[in-house]
Amino acid sequence: GTPRSTEFRALLARHQAAYGTELRSID
């Protein structure tokens, strides 16, 4: 729900591609 969540998600996607970072829900 944050204004910059789309930008932040794109940054996380770059981390995912470069380092294999997993994106997970806190659940």
mmCIF file of all heavy atoms, coordinates in Angstrom:
data_MODEL
# 
_entry.id   MODEL 
# 
loop_
_atom_site.group_PDB 
_atom_site.id 
_atom_site.type_symbol 
_atom_site.label_atom_id 
_atom_site.label_alt_id 
_atom_site.label_comp_id 
_atom_site.label_asym_id 
_atom_site.label_entity_id 
_atom_site.label_seq_id 
_atom_site.pdbx_PDB_ins_code 
_atom_site.Cartn_x 
_atom_site.Cartn_y 
_atom_site.Cartn_z 
_atom_site.occupancy 
_atom_site.B_iso_or_equiv 
_atom_site.pdbx_formal_charge 
_atom_site.auth_seq_id 
_atom_site.auth_comp_id 
_atom_site.auth_asym_id 
_atom_site.auth_atom_id 
_atom_site.pdbx_PDB_model_num 
ATOM 1   N N   . GLY A 1 1  ? 0.774  -1.228  0.000   1.00 0.00 ? 1  GLY A N   1 
ATOM 2   C CA  . GLY A 1 1  ? 0.000  0.000   0.000   1.00 0.00 ? 1  GLY A CA  1 
ATOM 3   C C   . GLY A 1 1  ? 0.809  1.282   0.000   1.00 0.00 ? 1  GLY A C   1 
ATOM 4   O O   . GLY A 1 1  ? 0.251  2.367   0.098   1.00 0.00 ? 1  GLY A O   1 
ATOM 5   N N   . THR A 1 2  ? 2.124  1.187   -0.134  1.00 0.00 ? 2  THR A N   1 
ATOM 6   C CA  . THR A 1 2  ? 2.946  2.393   -0.087  1.00 0.00 ? 2  THR A CA  1 
ATOM 7   C C   . THR A 1 2  ? 3.143  2.979   -1.480  1.00 0.00 ? 2  THR A C   1 
ATOM 8   O O   . THR A 1 2  ? 3.135  2.242   -2.468  1.00 0.00 ? 2  THR A O   1 
ATOM 9   C CB  . THR A 1 2  ? 4.328  2.104   0.537   1.00 0.00 ? 2  THR A CB  1 
ATOM 10  O OG1 . THR A 1 2  ? 5.001  1.154   -0.276  1.00 0.00 ? 2  THR A OG1 1 
ATOM 11  C CG2 . THR A 1 2  ? 4.193  1.603   1.948   1.00 0.00 ? 2  THR A CG2 1 
ATOM 12  N N   . PRO A 1 3  ? 3.358  4.283   -1.562  1.00 0.00 ? 3  PRO A N   1 
ATOM 13  C CA  . PRO A 1 3  ? 3.530  4.930   -2.863  1.00 0.00 ? 3  PRO A CA  1 
ATOM 14  C C   . PRO A 1 3  ? 4.729  4.404   -3.651  1.00 0.00 ? 3  PRO A C   1 
ATOM 15  O O   . PRO A 1 3  ? 4.695  4.351   -4.866  1.00 0.00 ? 3  PRO A O   1 
ATOM 16  C CB  . PRO A 1 3  ? 3.728  6.409   -2.512  1.00 0.00 ? 3  PRO A CB  1 
ATOM 17  C CG  . PRO A 1 3  ? 3.156  6.568   -1.156  1.00 0.00 ? 3  PRO A CG  1 
ATOM 18  C CD  . PRO A 1 3  ? 3.314  5.256   -0.471  1.00 0.00 ? 3  PRO A CD  1 
ATOM 19  N N   . ARG A 1 4  ? 5.786  3.988   -2.959  1.00 0.00 ? 4  ARG A N   1 
ATOM 20  C CA  . ARG A 1 4  ? 7.001  3.552   -3.659  1.00 0.00 ? 4  ARG A CA  1 
ATOM 21  C C   . ARG A 1 4  ? 7.132  2.033   -3.723  1.00 0.00 ? 4  ARG A C   1 
ATOM 22  O O   . ARG A 1 4  ? 8.189  1.517   -4.049  1.00 0.00 ? 4  ARG A O   1 
ATOM 23  C CB  . ARG A 1 4  ? 8.214  4.173   -2.979  1.00 0.00 ? 4  ARG A CB  1 
ATOM 24  C CG  . ARG A 1 4  ? 8.164  5.697   -3.072  1.00 0.00 ? 4  ARG A CG  1 
ATOM 25  C CD  . ARG A 1 4  ? 9.374  6.366   -2.565  1.00 0.00 ? 4  ARG A CD  1 
ATOM 26  N NE  . ARG A 1 4  ? 10.514 6.060   -3.417  1.00 0.00 ? 4  ARG A NE  1 
ATOM 27  C CZ  . ARG A 1 4  ? 11.737 6.427   -3.104  1.00 0.00 ? 4  ARG A CZ  1 
ATOM 28  N NH1 . ARG A 1 4  ? 11.977 7.087   -2.006  1.00 0.00 ? 4  ARG A NH1 1 
ATOM 29  N NH2 . ARG A 1 4  ? 12.746 6.125   -3.898  1.00 0.00 ? 4  ARG A NH2 1 
ATOM 30  N N   . SER A 1 5  ? 6.074  1.305   -3.439  1.00 0.00 ? 5  SER A N   1 
ATOM 31  C CA  . SER A 1 5  ? 6.172  -0.155  -3.427  1.00 0.00 ? 5  SER A CA  1 
ATOM 32  C C   . SER A 1 5  ? 6.525  -0.719  -4.804  1.00 0.00 ? 5  SER A C   1 
ATOM 33  O O   . SER A 1 5  ? 7.268  -1.692  -4.900  1.00 0.00 ? 5  SER A O   1 
ATOM 34  C CB  . SER A 1 5  ? 4.891  -0.786  -2.889  1.00 0.00 ? 5  SER A CB  1 
ATOM 35  O OG  . SER A 1 5  ? 3.799  -0.526  -3.729  1.00 0.00 ? 5  SER A OG  1 
ATOM 36  N N   . THR A 1 6  ? 6.045  -0.117  -5.867  1.00 0.00 ? 6  THR A N   1 
ATOM 37  C CA  . THR A 1 6  ? 6.346  -0.602  -7.215  1.00 0.00 ? 6  THR A CA  1 
ATOM 38  C C   . THR A 1 6  ? 7.837  -0.454  -7.510  1.00 0.00 ? 6  THR A C   1 
ATOM 39  O O   . THR A 1 6  ? 8.483  -1.373  -8.011  1.00 0.00 ? 6  THR A O   1 
ATOM 40  C CB  . THR A 1 6  ? 5.516  0.155   -8.272  1.00 0.00 ? 6  THR A CB  1 
ATOM 41  O OG1 . THR A 1 6  ? 4.134  -0.014  -7.957  1.00 0.00 ? 6  THR A OG1 1 
ATOM 42  C CG2 . THR A 1 6  ? 5.792  -0.362  -9.671  1.00 0.00 ? 6  THR A CG2 1 
ATOM 43  N N   . GLU A 1 7  ? 8.390  0.704   -7.176  1.00 0.00 ? 7  GLU A N   1 
ATOM 44  C CA  . GLU A 1 7  ? 9.819  0.955   -7.371  1.00 0.00 ? 7  GLU A CA  1 
ATOM 45  C C   . GLU A 1 7  ? 10.657 -0.002  -6.518  1.00 0.00 ? 7  GLU A C   1 
ATOM 46  O O   . GLU A 1 7  ? 11.654 -0.553  -6.974  1.00 0.00 ? 7  GLU A O   1 
ATOM 47  C CB  . GLU A 1 7  ? 10.130 2.404   -7.001  1.00 0.00 ? 7  GLU A CB  1 
ATOM 48  C CG  . GLU A 1 7  ? 11.583 2.785   -7.108  1.00 0.00 ? 7  GLU A CG  1 
ATOM 49  C CD  . GLU A 1 7  ? 11.855 4.200   -6.630  1.00 0.00 ? 7  GLU A CD  1 
ATOM 50  O OE1 . GLU A 1 7  ? 10.896 4.968   -6.394  1.00 0.00 ? 7  GLU A OE1 1 
ATOM 51  O OE2 . GLU A 1 7  ? 13.037 4.522   -6.470  1.00 0.00 ? 7  GLU A OE2 1 
ATOM 52  N N   . PHE A 1 8  ? 10.226 -0.207  -5.286  1.00 0.00 ? 8  PHE A N   1 
ATOM 53  C CA  . PHE A 1 8  ? 10.965 -1.088  -4.382  1.00 0.00 ? 8  PHE A CA  1 
ATOM 54  C C   . PHE A 1 8  ? 10.893 -2.532  -4.870  1.00 0.00 ? 8  PHE A C   1 
ATOM 55  O O   . PHE A 1 8  ? 11.877 -3.268  -4.826  1.00 0.00 ? 8  PHE A O   1 
ATOM 56  C CB  . PHE A 1 8  ? 10.418 -0.976  -2.964  1.00 0.00 ? 8  PHE A CB  1 
ATOM 57  C CG  . PHE A 1 8  ? 11.396 -1.418  -1.927  1.00 0.00 ? 8  PHE A CG  1 
ATOM 58  C CD1 . PHE A 1 8  ? 12.249 -0.506  -1.345  1.00 0.00 ? 8  PHE A CD1 1 
ATOM 59  C CD2 . PHE A 1 8  ? 11.470 -2.739  -1.531  1.00 0.00 ? 8  PHE A CD2 1 
ATOM 60  C CE1 . PHE A 1 8  ? 13.161 -0.902  -0.380  1.00 0.00 ? 8  PHE A CE1 1 
ATOM 61  C CE2 . PHE A 1 8  ? 12.370 -3.153  -0.576  1.00 0.00 ? 8  PHE A CE2 1 
ATOM 62  C CZ  . PHE A 1 8  ? 13.228 -2.226  0.003   1.00 0.00 ? 8  PHE A CZ  1 
ATOM 63  N N   . ARG A 1 9  ? 9.735  -2.938  -5.353  1.00 0.00 ? 9  ARG A N   1 
ATOM 64  C CA  . ARG A 1 9  ? 9.591  -4.304  -5.867  1.00 0.00 ? 9  ARG A CA  1 
ATOM 65  C C   . ARG A 1 9  ? 10.505 -4.506  -7.085  1.00 0.00 ? 9  ARG A C   1 
ATOM 66  O O   . ARG A 1 9  ? 11.085 -5.581  -7.268  1.00 0.00 ? 9  ARG A O   1 
ATOM 67  C CB  . ARG A 1 9  ? 8.144  -4.606  -6.219  1.00 0.00 ? 9  ARG A CB  1 
ATOM 68  C CG  . ARG A 1 9  ? 7.905  -6.090  -6.475  1.00 0.00 ? 9  ARG A CG  1 
ATOM 69  C CD  . ARG A 1 9  ? 6.448  -6.403  -6.715  1.00 0.00 ? 9  ARG A CD  1 
ATOM 70  N NE  . ARG A 1 9  ? 5.658  -6.366  -5.506  1.00 0.00 ? 9  ARG A NE  1 
ATOM 71  C CZ  . ARG A 1 9  ? 5.534  -7.391  -4.672  1.00 0.00 ? 9  ARG A CZ  1 
ATOM 72  N NH1 . ARG A 1 9  ? 6.195  -8.500  -4.905  1.00 0.00 ? 9  ARG A NH1 1 
ATOM 73  N NH2 . ARG A 1 9  ? 4.772  -7.307  -3.618  1.00 0.00 ? 9  ARG A NH2 1 
ATOM 74  N N   . ALA A 1 10 ? 10.665 -3.494  -7.929  1.00 0.00 ? 10 ALA A N   1 
ATOM 75  C CA  . ALA A 1 10 ? 11.564 -3.583  -9.087  1.00 0.00 ? 10 ALA A CA  1 
ATOM 76  C C   . ALA A 1 10 ? 13.014 -3.750  -8.612  1.00 0.00 ? 10 ALA A C   1 
ATOM 77  O O   . ALA A 1 10 ? 13.769 -4.537  -9.191  1.00 0.00 ? 10 ALA A O   1 
ATOM 78  C CB  . ALA A 1 10 ? 11.424 -2.342  -9.960  1.00 0.00 ? 10 ALA A CB  1 
ATOM 79  N N   . LEU A 1 11 ? 13.390 -3.035  -7.564  1.00 0.00 ? 11 LEU A N   1 
ATOM 80  C CA  . LEU A 1 11 ? 14.730 -3.180  -6.997  1.00 0.00 ? 11 LEU A CA  1 
ATOM 81  C C   . LEU A 1 11 ? 14.933 -4.591  -6.445  1.00 0.00 ? 11 LEU A C   1 
ATOM 82  O O   . LEU A 1 11 ? 15.973 -5.215  -6.656  1.00 0.00 ? 11 LEU A O   1 
ATOM 83  C CB  . LEU A 1 11 ? 14.953 -2.138  -5.895  1.00 0.00 ? 11 LEU A CB  1 
ATOM 84  C CG  . LEU A 1 11 ? 16.295 -2.195  -5.175  1.00 0.00 ? 11 LEU A CG  1 
ATOM 85  C CD1 . LEU A 1 11 ? 17.443 -1.987  -6.147  1.00 0.00 ? 11 LEU A CD1 1 
ATOM 86  C CD2 . LEU A 1 11 ? 16.331 -1.154  -4.079  1.00 0.00 ? 11 LEU A CD2 1 
ATOM 87  N N   . LEU A 1 12 ? 13.924 -5.109  -5.765  1.00 0.00 ? 12 LEU A N   1 
ATOM 88  C CA  . LEU A 1 12 ? 14.015 -6.473  -5.247  1.00 0.00 ? 12 LEU A CA  1 
ATOM 89  C C   . LEU A 1 12 ? 14.113 -7.489  -6.389  1.00 0.00 ? 12 LEU A C   1 
ATOM 90  O O   . LEU A 1 12 ? 14.832 -8.488  -6.275  1.00 0.00 ? 12 LEU A O   1 
ATOM 91  C CB  . LEU A 1 12 ? 12.816 -6.787  -4.360  1.00 0.00 ? 12 LEU A CB  1 
ATOM 92  C CG  . LEU A 1 12 ? 12.802 -6.100  -2.997  1.00 0.00 ? 12 LEU A CG  1 
ATOM 93  C CD1 . LEU A 1 12 ? 11.466 -6.334  -2.296  1.00 0.00 ? 12 LEU A CD1 1 
ATOM 94  C CD2 . LEU A 1 12 ? 13.952 -6.578  -2.124  1.00 0.00 ? 12 LEU A CD2 1 
ATOM 95  N N   . ALA A 1 13 ? 13.433 -7.230  -7.498  1.00 0.00 ? 13 ALA A N   1 
ATOM 96  C CA  . ALA A 1 13 ? 13.509 -8.125  -8.655  1.00 0.00 ? 13 ALA A CA  1 
ATOM 97  C C   . ALA A 1 13 ? 14.930 -8.133  -9.228  1.00 0.00 ? 13 ALA A C   1 
ATOM 98  O O   . ALA A 1 13 ? 15.430 -9.188  -9.642  1.00 0.00 ? 13 ALA A O   1 
ATOM 99  C CB  . ALA A 1 13 ? 12.501 -7.706  -9.723  1.00 0.00 ? 13 ALA A CB  1 
ATOM 100 N N   . ARG A 1 14 ? 15.608 -6.982  -9.214  1.00 0.00 ? 14 ARG A N   1 
ATOM 101 C CA  . ARG A 1 14 ? 17.006 -6.942  -9.665  1.00 0.00 ? 14 ARG A CA  1 
ATOM 102 C C   . ARG A 1 14 ? 17.896 -7.747  -8.716  1.00 0.00 ? 14 ARG A C   1 
ATOM 103 O O   . ARG A 1 14 ? 18.793 -8.459  -9.156  1.00 0.00 ? 14 ARG A O   1 
ATOM 104 C CB  . ARG A 1 14 ? 17.488 -5.495  -9.785  1.00 0.00 ? 14 ARG A CB  1 
ATOM 105 C CG  . ARG A 1 14 ? 16.870 -4.771  -10.981 1.00 0.00 ? 14 ARG A CG  1 
ATOM 106 C CD  . ARG A 1 14 ? 17.580 -3.478  -11.314 1.00 0.00 ? 14 ARG A CD  1 
ATOM 107 N NE  . ARG A 1 14 ? 17.502 -2.467  -10.272 1.00 0.00 ? 14 ARG A NE  1 
ATOM 108 C CZ  . ARG A 1 14 ? 16.501 -1.618  -10.096 1.00 0.00 ? 14 ARG A CZ  1 
ATOM 109 N NH1 . ARG A 1 14 ? 15.450 -1.666  -10.907 1.00 0.00 ? 14 ARG A NH1 1 
ATOM 110 N NH2 . ARG A 1 14 ? 16.536 -0.717  -9.135  1.00 0.00 ? 14 ARG A NH2 1 
ATOM 111 N N   . HIS A 1 15 ? 17.633 -7.650  -7.423  1.00 0.00 ? 15 HIS A N   1 
ATOM 112 C CA  . HIS A 1 15 ? 18.369 -8.461  -6.447  1.00 0.00 ? 15 HIS A CA  1 
ATOM 113 C C   . HIS A 1 15 ? 18.099 -9.939  -6.672  1.00 0.00 ? 15 HIS A C   1 
ATOM 114 O O   . HIS A 1 15 ? 19.003 -10.771 -6.547  1.00 0.00 ? 15 HIS A O   1 
ATOM 115 C CB  . HIS A 1 15 ? 17.981 -8.073  -5.013  1.00 0.00 ? 15 HIS A CB  1 
ATOM 116 C CG  . HIS A 1 15 ? 18.853 -7.034  -4.423  1.00 0.00 ? 15 HIS A CG  1 
ATOM 117 N ND1 . HIS A 1 15 ? 19.936 -7.334  -3.661  1.00 0.00 ? 15 HIS A ND1 1 
ATOM 118 C CD2 . HIS A 1 15 ? 18.815 -5.692  -4.502  1.00 0.00 ? 15 HIS A CD2 1 
ATOM 119 C CE1 . HIS A 1 15 ? 20.528 -6.225  -3.278  1.00 0.00 ? 15 HIS A CE1 1 
ATOM 120 N NE2 . HIS A 1 15 ? 19.865 -5.216  -3.782  1.00 0.00 ? 15 HIS A NE2 1 
ATOM 121 N N   . GLN A 1 16 ? 16.880 -10.250 -6.995  1.00 0.00 ? 16 GLN A N   1 
ATOM 122 C CA  . GLN A 1 16 ? 16.499 -11.632 -7.245  1.00 0.00 ? 16 GLN A CA  1 
ATOM 123 C C   . GLN A 1 16 ? 17.298 -12.182 -8.435  1.00 0.00 ? 16 GLN A C   1 
ATOM 124 O O   . GLN A 1 16 ? 17.827 -13.292 -8.378  1.00 0.00 ? 16 GLN A O   1 
ATOM 125 C CB  . GLN A 1 16 ? 15.003 -11.702 -7.519  1.00 0.00 ? 16 GLN A CB  1 
ATOM 126 C CG  . GLN A 1 16 ? 14.428 -13.088 -7.532  1.00 0.00 ? 16 GLN A CG  1 
ATOM 127 C CD  . GLN A 1 16 ? 12.902 -13.044 -7.645  1.00 0.00 ? 16 GLN A CD  1 
ATOM 128 O OE1 . GLN A 1 16 ? 12.334 -12.104 -8.195  1.00 0.00 ? 16 GLN A OE1 1 
ATOM 129 N NE2 . GLN A 1 16 ? 12.257 -14.055 -7.129  1.00 0.00 ? 16 GLN A NE2 1 
ATOM 130 N N   . ALA A 1 17 ? 17.401 -11.400 -9.498  1.00 0.00 ? 17 ALA A N   1 
ATOM 131 C CA  . ALA A 1 17 ? 18.129 -11.834 -10.686 1.00 0.00 ? 17 ALA A CA  1 
ATOM 132 C C   . ALA A 1 17 ? 19.636 -11.910 -10.441 1.00 0.00 ? 17 ALA A C   1 
ATOM 133 O O   . ALA A 1 17 ? 20.299 -12.847 -10.886 1.00 0.00 ? 17 ALA A O   1 
ATOM 134 C CB  . ALA A 1 17 ? 17.833 -10.882 -11.851 1.00 0.00 ? 17 ALA A CB  1 
ATOM 135 N N   . ALA A 1 18 ? 20.173 -10.946 -9.714  1.00 0.00 ? 18 ALA A N   1 
ATOM 136 C CA  . ALA A 1 18 ? 21.625 -10.882 -9.505  1.00 0.00 ? 18 ALA A CA  1 
ATOM 137 C C   . ALA A 1 18 ? 22.128 -11.844 -8.433  1.00 0.00 ? 18 ALA A C   1 
ATOM 138 O O   . ALA A 1 18 ? 23.190 -12.443 -8.579  1.00 0.00 ? 18 ALA A O   1 
ATOM 139 C CB  . ALA A 1 18 ? 22.030 -9.448  -9.144  1.00 0.00 ? 18 ALA A CB  1 
ATOM 140 N N   . TYR A 1 19 ? 21.385 -11.985 -7.344  1.00 0.00 ? 19 TYR A N   1 
ATOM 141 C CA  . TYR A 1 19 ? 21.882 -12.731 -6.188  1.00 0.00 ? 19 TYR A CA  1 
ATOM 142 C C   . TYR A 1 19 ? 21.011 -13.926 -5.794  1.00 0.00 ? 19 TYR A C   1 
ATOM 143 O O   . TYR A 1 19 ? 21.324 -14.626 -4.839  1.00 0.00 ? 19 TYR A O   1 
ATOM 144 C CB  . TYR A 1 19 ? 21.997 -11.816 -4.968  1.00 0.00 ? 19 TYR A CB  1 
ATOM 145 C CG  . TYR A 1 19 ? 22.787 -10.567 -5.212  1.00 0.00 ? 19 TYR A CG  1 
ATOM 146 C CD1 . TYR A 1 19 ? 22.187 -9.314  -5.118  1.00 0.00 ? 19 TYR A CD1 1 
ATOM 147 C CD2 . TYR A 1 19 ? 24.134 -10.618 -5.543  1.00 0.00 ? 19 TYR A CD2 1 
ATOM 148 C CE1 . TYR A 1 19 ? 22.907 -8.157  -5.332  1.00 0.00 ? 19 TYR A CE1 1 
ATOM 149 C CE2 . TYR A 1 19 ? 24.858 -9.462  -5.775  1.00 0.00 ? 19 TYR A CE2 1 
ATOM 150 C CZ  . TYR A 1 19 ? 24.238 -8.236  -5.668  1.00 0.00 ? 19 TYR A CZ  1 
ATOM 151 O OH  . TYR A 1 19 ? 24.959 -7.095  -5.883  1.00 0.00 ? 19 TYR A OH  1 
ATOM 152 N N   . GLY A 1 20 ? 19.905 -14.124 -6.477  1.00 0.00 ? 20 GLY A N   1 
ATOM 153 C CA  . GLY A 1 20 ? 19.012 -15.221 -6.112  1.00 0.00 ? 20 GLY A CA  1 
ATOM 154 C C   . GLY A 1 20 ? 18.159 -14.930 -4.896  1.00 0.00 ? 20 GLY A C   1 
ATOM 155 O O   . GLY A 1 20 ? 17.649 -15.837 -4.246  1.00 0.00 ? 20 GLY A O   1 
ATOM 156 N N   . THR A 1 21 ? 17.978 -13.664 -4.569  1.00 0.00 ? 21 THR A N   1 
ATOM 157 C CA  . THR A 1 21 ? 17.147 -13.274 -3.432  1.00 0.00 ? 21 THR A CA  1 
ATOM 158 C C   . THR A 1 21 ? 15.735 -13.818 -3.599  1.00 0.00 ? 21 THR A C   1 
ATOM 159 O O   . THR A 1 21 ? 15.147 -13.699 -4.664  1.00 0.00 ? 21 THR A O   1 
ATOM 160 C CB  . THR A 1 21 ? 17.092 -11.736 -3.306  1.00 0.00 ? 21 THR A CB  1 
ATOM 161 O OG1 . THR A 1 21 ? 18.422 -11.243 -3.128  1.00 0.00 ? 21 THR A OG1 1 
ATOM 162 C CG2 . THR A 1 21 ? 16.218 -11.294 -2.155  1.00 0.00 ? 21 THR A CG2 1 
ATOM 163 N N   . GLU A 1 22 ? 15.212 -14.417 -2.542  1.00 0.00 ? 22 GLU A N   1 
ATOM 164 C CA  . GLU A 1 22 ? 13.836 -14.915 -2.568  1.00 0.00 ? 22 GLU A CA  1 
ATOM 165 C C   . GLU A 1 22 ? 12.906 -13.833 -2.036  1.00 0.00 ? 22 GLU A C   1 
ATOM 166 O O   . GLU A 1 22 ? 13.188 -13.232 -1.006  1.00 0.00 ? 22 GLU A O   1 
ATOM 167 C CB  . GLU A 1 22 ? 13.693 -16.142 -1.676  1.00 0.00 ? 22 GLU A CB  1 
ATOM 168 C CG  . GLU A 1 22 ? 14.450 -17.354 -2.144  1.00 0.00 ? 22 GLU A CG  1 
ATOM 169 C CD  . GLU A 1 22 ? 14.279 -18.504 -1.176  1.00 0.00 ? 22 GLU A CD  1 
ATOM 170 O OE1 . GLU A 1 22 ? 13.128 -18.794 -0.777  1.00 0.00 ? 22 GLU A OE1 1 
ATOM 171 O OE2 . GLU A 1 22 ? 15.297 -19.109 -0.811  1.00 0.00 ? 22 GLU A OE2 1 
ATOM 172 N N   . LEU A 1 23 ? 11.815 -13.589 -2.719  1.00 0.00 ? 23 LEU A N   1 
ATOM 173 C CA  . LEU A 1 23 ? 10.797 -12.655 -2.251  1.00 0.00 ? 23 LEU A CA  1 
ATOM 174 C C   . LEU A 1 23 ? 9.691  -13.472 -1.606  1.00 0.00 ? 23 LEU A C   1 
ATOM 175 O O   . LEU A 1 23 ? 9.096  -14.336 -2.250  1.00 0.00 ? 23 LEU A O   1 
ATOM 176 C CB  . LEU A 1 23 ? 10.239 -11.820 -3.407  1.00 0.00 ? 23 LEU A CB  1 
ATOM 177 C CG  . LEU A 1 23 ? 11.258 -11.044 -4.230  1.00 0.00 ? 23 LEU A CG  1 
ATOM 178 C CD1 . LEU A 1 23 ? 10.554 -10.221 -5.296  1.00 0.00 ? 23 LEU A CD1 1 
ATOM 179 C CD2 . LEU A 1 23 ? 12.107 -10.166 -3.346  1.00 0.00 ? 23 LEU A CD2 1 
ATOM 180 N N   . ARG A 1 24 ? 9.425  -13.196 -0.331  1.00 0.00 ? 24 ARG A N   1 
ATOM 181 C CA  . ARG A 1 24 ? 8.482  -13.992 0.437   1.00 0.00 ? 24 ARG A CA  1 
ATOM 182 C C   . ARG A 1 24 ? 7.540  -13.094 1.214   1.00 0.00 ? 24 ARG A C   1 
ATOM 183 O O   . ARG A 1 24 ? 7.871  -11.968 1.541   1.00 0.00 ? 24 ARG A O   1 
ATOM 184 C CB  . ARG A 1 24 ? 9.233  -14.878 1.435   1.00 0.00 ? 24 ARG A CB  1 
ATOM 185 C CG  . ARG A 1 24 ? 10.398 -15.672 0.875   1.00 0.00 ? 24 ARG A CG  1 
ATOM 186 C CD  . ARG A 1 24 ? 9.984  -16.864 0.105   1.00 0.00 ? 24 ARG A CD  1 
ATOM 187 N NE  . ARG A 1 24 ? 9.492  -17.845 1.053   1.00 0.00 ? 24 ARG A NE  1 
ATOM 188 C CZ  . ARG A 1 24 ? 8.727  -18.855 0.731   1.00 0.00 ? 24 ARG A CZ  1 
ATOM 189 N NH1 . ARG A 1 24 ? 8.355  -19.029 -0.498  1.00 0.00 ? 24 ARG A NH1 1 
ATOM 190 N NH2 . ARG A 1 24 ? 8.307  -19.711 1.636   1.00 0.00 ? 24 ARG A NH2 1 
ATOM 191 N N   . SER A 1 25 ? 6.388  -13.623 1.530   1.00 0.00 ? 25 SER A N   1 
ATOM 192 C CA  . SER A 1 25 ? 5.465  -12.934 2.428   1.00 0.00 ? 25 SER A CA  1 
ATOM 193 C C   . SER A 1 25 ? 5.940  -13.171 3.861   1.00 0.00 ? 25 SER A C   1 
ATOM 194 O O   . SER A 1 25 ? 6.496  -14.229 4.164   1.00 0.00 ? 25 SER A O   1 
ATOM 195 C CB  . SER A 1 25 ? 4.056  -13.496 2.255   1.00 0.00 ? 25 SER A CB  1 
ATOM 196 O OG  . SER A 1 25 ? 3.232  -13.079 3.321   1.00 0.00 ? 25 SER A OG  1 
ATOM 197 N N   . ILE A 1 26 ? 5.701  -12.236 4.728   1.00 0.00 ? 26 ILE A N   1 
ATOM 198 C CA  . ILE A 1 26 ? 6.060  -12.417 6.138   1.00 0.00 ? 26 ILE A CA  1 
ATOM 199 C C   . ILE A 1 26 ? 5.327  -13.624 6.722   1.00 0.00 ? 26 ILE A C   1 
ATOM 200 O O   . ILE A 1 26 ? 5.811  -14.259 7.657   1.00 0.00 ? 26 ILE A O   1 
ATOM 201 C CB  . ILE A 1 26 ? 5.801  -11.135 6.964   1.00 0.00 ? 26 ILE A CB  1 
ATOM 202 C CG1 . ILE A 1 26 ? 6.407  -11.249 8.367   1.00 0.00 ? 26 ILE A CG1 1 
ATOM 203 C CG2 . ILE A 1 26 ? 4.332  -10.798 7.019   1.00 0.00 ? 26 ILE A CG2 1 
ATOM 204 C CD1 . ILE A 1 26 ? 7.898  -11.442 8.410   1.00 0.00 ? 26 ILE A CD1 1 
ATOM 205 N N   . ASP A 1 27 ? 4.202  -13.981 6.145   1.00 0.00 ? 27 ASP A N   1 
ATOM 206 C CA  . ASP A 1 27 ? 3.450  -15.154 6.610   1.00 0.00 ? 27 ASP A CA  1 
ATOM 207 C C   . ASP A 1 27 ? 4.246  -16.450 6.424   1.00 0.00 ? 27 ASP A C   1 
ATOM 208 O O   . ASP A 1 27 ? 3.958  -17.451 7.080   1.00 0.00 ? 27 ASP A O   1 
ATOM 209 C CB  . ASP A 1 27 ? 2.120  -15.265 5.868   1.00 0.00 ? 27 ASP A CB  1 
ATOM 210 C CG  . ASP A 1 27 ? 1.193  -14.101 6.176   1.00 0.00 ? 27 ASP A CG  1 
ATOM 211 O OD1 . ASP A 1 27 ? 1.302  -13.508 7.273   1.00 0.00 ? 27 ASP A OD1 1 
ATOM 212 O OD2 . ASP A 1 27 ? 0.363  -13.766 5.312   1.00 0.00 ? 27 ASP A OD2 1 
# 
